[in-house]
Structure formats: C-alpha cells, structure tokens
C-alpha atoms as a PDB file:
ATOM      1  CA  ASP A   1      -9.343 -47.964  -3.768  1.00  0.00           C
ATOM      2  CA  TYR A   2     -11.010 -45.096  -5.668  1.00  0.00           C
ATOM      3  CA  ARG A   3     -12.858 -42.439  -3.732  1.00  0.00           C
ATOM      4  CA  GLU A   4     -14.765 -39.589  -5.258  1.00  0.00           C
ATOM      5  CA  GLU A   5     -13.742 -36.220  -3.901  1.00  0.00           C
ATOM      6  CA  ARG A   6     -15.638 -32.998  -4.385  1.00  0.00           C
ATOM      7  CA  VAL A   7     -14.447 -29.464  -4.148  1.00  0.00           C
ATOM      8  CA  ASP A   8     -16.871 -26.628  -3.612  1.00  0.00           C
ATOM      9  CA  PHE A   9     -15.931 -23.106  -4.597  1.00  0.00           C
ATOM     10  CA  ARG A  10     -17.545 -19.832  -5.515  1.00  0.00           C
ATOM     11  CA  SER A  11     -16.574 -18.430  -8.871  1.00  0.00           C
ATOM     12  CA  ALA A  12     -14.726 -15.120  -8.750  1.00  0.00           C
ATOM     13  CA  LEU A  13     -16.810 -13.981 -11.715  1.00  0.00           C
ATOM     14  CA  ASP A  14     -19.951 -13.711  -9.596  1.00  0.00           C
ATOM     15  CA  GLY A  15     -20.760 -10.133  -8.690  1.00  0.00           C
ATOM     16  CA  ARG A  16     -17.964  -8.652 -10.783  1.00  0.00           C
ATOM     17  CA  ALA A  17     -18.551  -5.014 -11.696  1.00  0.00           C
ATOM     18  CA  ARG A  18     -18.613  -4.705 -15.482  1.00  0.00           C
ATOM     19  CA  LEU A  19     -17.506  -1.088 -15.376  1.00  0.00           C
ATOM     20  CA  SER A  20     -14.426  -2.066 -13.363  1.00  0.00           C
ATOM     21  CA  VAL A  21     -13.545  -4.768 -15.868  1.00  0.00           C
ATOM     22  CA  ALA A  22     -14.080  -2.449 -18.813  1.00  0.00           C
ATOM     23  CA  PHE A  23     -11.829   0.282 -17.439  1.00  0.00           C
ATOM     24  CA  ARG A  24      -9.303  -1.877 -15.651  1.00  0.00           C
ATOM     25  CA  PHE A  25      -6.574  -0.772 -18.044  1.00  0.00           C
ATOM     26  CA  LEU A  26      -7.141   2.832 -16.909  1.00  0.00           C
ATOM     27  CA  LEU A  27      -7.160   1.874 -13.240  1.00  0.00           C
ATOM     28  CA  VAL A  28      -3.854   0.029 -13.528  1.00  0.00           C
ATOM     29  CA  ILE A  29      -1.900   2.860 -15.221  1.00  0.00           C
ATOM     30  CA  PRO A  30      -0.754   4.509 -11.939  1.00  0.00           C
ATOM     31  CA  GLN A  31       0.426   1.126 -10.692  1.00  0.00           C
ATOM     32  CA  ILE A  32       2.406   0.505 -13.884  1.00  0.00           C
ATOM     33  CA  VAL A  33       4.064   3.931 -13.714  1.00  0.00           C
ATOM     34  CA  ALA A  34       5.076   3.400 -10.079  1.00  0.00           C
ATOM     35  CA  LEU A  35       6.250  -0.149 -10.766  1.00  0.00           C
ATOM     36  CA  PHE A  36       8.390   1.051 -13.664  1.00  0.00           C
ATOM     37  CA  PHE A  37      10.590   3.027 -11.275  1.00  0.00           C
ATOM     38  CA  VAL A  38      10.472   0.363  -8.558  1.00  0.00           C
ATOM     39  CA  GLN A  39      11.622  -2.278 -11.061  1.00  0.00           C
ATOM     40  CA  ILE A  40      14.525  -0.091 -12.169  1.00  0.00           C
ATOM     41  CA  ALA A  41      15.582   0.305  -8.539  1.00  0.00           C
ATOM     42  CA  ALA A  42      15.117  -3.436  -7.926  1.00  0.00           C
ATOM     43  CA  GLY A  43      17.372  -4.220 -10.889  1.00  0.00           C
ATOM     44  CA  ILE A  44      20.090  -1.980  -9.483  1.00  0.00           C
ATOM     45  CA  VAL A  45      19.688  -3.525  -6.024  1.00  0.00           C
ATOM     46  CA  GLN A  46      19.930  -7.008  -7.529  1.00  0.00           C
ATOM     47  CA  LEU A  47      23.163  -6.086  -9.282  1.00  0.00           C
ATOM     48  CA  VAL A  48      24.661  -4.688  -6.069  1.00  0.00           C
ATOM     49  CA  ALA A  49      23.376  -7.704  -4.112  1.00  0.00           C
ATOM     50  CA  PHE A  50      25.028 -10.051  -6.626  1.00  0.00           C
ATOM     51  CA  PHE A  51      28.428  -8.624  -5.764  1.00  0.00           C
ATOM     52  CA  ALA A  52      27.585  -8.530  -2.059  1.00  0.00           C
ATOM     53  CA  VAL A  53      26.781 -12.252  -2.189  1.00  0.00           C
ATOM     54  CA  LEU A  54      30.035 -12.949  -4.051  1.00  0.00           C
ATOM     55  CA  ILE A  55      32.081 -11.063  -1.462  1.00  0.00           C
ATOM     56  CA  THR A  56      30.280 -11.863   1.805  1.00  0.00           C
ATOM     57  CA  GLY A  57      28.515 -15.107   0.930  1.00  0.00           C
ATOM     58  CA  ARG A  58      25.099 -13.824   2.020  1.00  0.00           C
ATOM     59  CA  TRP A  59      22.354 -11.599   0.663  1.00  0.00           C
ATOM     60  CA  PRO A  60      21.885  -8.441   2.789  1.00  0.00           C
ATOM     61  CA  GLU A  61      18.468  -8.605   4.464  1.00  0.00           C
ATOM     62  CA  GLY A  62      17.314  -5.103   3.466  1.00  0.00           C
ATOM     63  CA  MET A  63      18.137  -5.693  -0.183  1.00  0.00           C
ATOM     64  CA  ARG A  64      16.376  -9.042  -0.145  1.00  0.00           C
ATOM     65  CA  ARG A  65      13.242  -7.546   1.414  1.00  0.00           C
ATOM     66  CA  PHE A  66      13.170  -4.775  -1.199  1.00  0.00           C
ATOM     67  CA  VAL A  67      13.534  -7.134  -4.169  1.00  0.00           C
ATOM     68  CA  VAL A  68      10.979  -9.617  -2.801  1.00  0.00           C
ATOM     69  CA  GLY A  69       8.572  -6.742  -2.066  1.00  0.00           C
ATOM     70  CA  ALA A  70       8.933  -5.448  -5.629  1.00  0.00           C
ATOM     71  CA  MET A  71       8.204  -8.928  -6.962  1.00  0.00           C
ATOM     72  CA  ARG A  72       5.116  -9.239  -4.732  1.00  0.00           C
ATOM     73  CA  TRP A  73       3.815  -5.856  -5.849  1.00  0.00           C
ATOM     74  CA  THR A  74       4.350  -6.799  -9.501  1.00  0.00           C
ATOM     75  CA  LEU A  75       2.494 -10.067  -8.970  1.00  0.00           C
ATOM     76  CA  ARG A  76      -0.472  -8.297  -7.329  1.00  0.00           C
ATOM     77  CA  VAL A  77      -0.699  -5.772 -10.193  1.00  0.00           C
ATOM     78  CA  ASN A  78      -0.490  -8.541 -12.794  1.00  0.00           C
ATOM     79  CA  ALA A  79      -3.211 -10.526 -11.023  1.00  0.00           C
ATOM     80  CA  TYR A  80      -5.447  -7.444 -10.995  1.00  0.00           C
ATOM     81  CA  TRP A  81      -4.686  -6.591 -14.635  1.00  0.00           C
ATOM     82  CA  LEU A  82      -5.343 -10.162 -15.823  1.00  0.00           C
ATOM     83  CA  LEU A  83      -8.707 -10.276 -13.999  1.00  0.00           C
ATOM     84  CA  LEU A  84      -7.567 -12.906 -11.494  1.00  0.00           C
ATOM     85  CA  THR A  85      -8.692 -10.733  -8.589  1.00  0.00           C
ATOM     86  CA  ASP A  86     -10.929  -7.707  -8.141  1.00  0.00           C
ATOM     87  CA  GLU A  87      -8.976  -6.321  -5.190  1.00  0.00           C
ATOM     88  CA  TYR A  88      -7.089  -3.193  -6.263  1.00  0.00           C
ATOM     89  CA  PRO A  89      -3.409  -3.669  -5.373  1.00  0.00           C
ATOM     90  CA  PRO A  90      -1.989  -1.335  -2.740  1.00  0.00           C
ATOM     91  CA  PHE A  91       0.970   0.933  -3.498  1.00  0.00           C
ATOM     92  CA  THR A  92       3.290  -0.924  -1.128  1.00  0.00           C
ATOM     93  CA  LEU A  93       6.173  -3.368  -1.127  1.00  0.00           C
ATOM     94  CA  THR A  94       4.867  -5.266   1.891  1.00  0.00           C
ATOM     95  CA  GLU A  95       1.812  -7.386   2.609  1.00  0.00           C
END
C-alpha cells in the first residue's frame, strides 16, 4: 500500500542577510580563537578522563560535561560557518 506523503518546510535561505554571509569568515574568527584554547583543554581532559575510566570504571561527570560542551560549541560554530544556520553561536559550553 503506497501513500504519498508531503513535507512542508521553509527554506533557511529566505531572508538571509547577504552582508552577513559575505563577512561570515570575519564574524567567526573570535569563536575560532576561543575554541582553539577550549579544544586544547578538552584534549587534556580527555586524556585524564581516559585514565580515570581505566582506574575507576566510570567517567567523572564534570569532565564529561566539559568535553560534551566543547563538542557542542564546536558543532554550533561549524554550523554557523558552513551557512547551516544564521544564529550566531554563543560563547558557552552549555545550551
């Protein structure tokens, strides 16, 4: 039994500010600089957490929240940089 299904959506390209798209690489520079240091810290935390998991058998909650927050922030910046969203990413590990 074949049924036709339709999906309605509004394109994210509608109403996009051309100036924002043109200078997005300038707008994302502060995010990249901040993320550079956050990613270094996240790498160190992951290394320490690796040994903590080996010894205790569980990932410490604070370390896990930090690493997951860094990954979320990176994903939001990448989505903004690659024109997947027009919402400027906040400078935060949570959300």
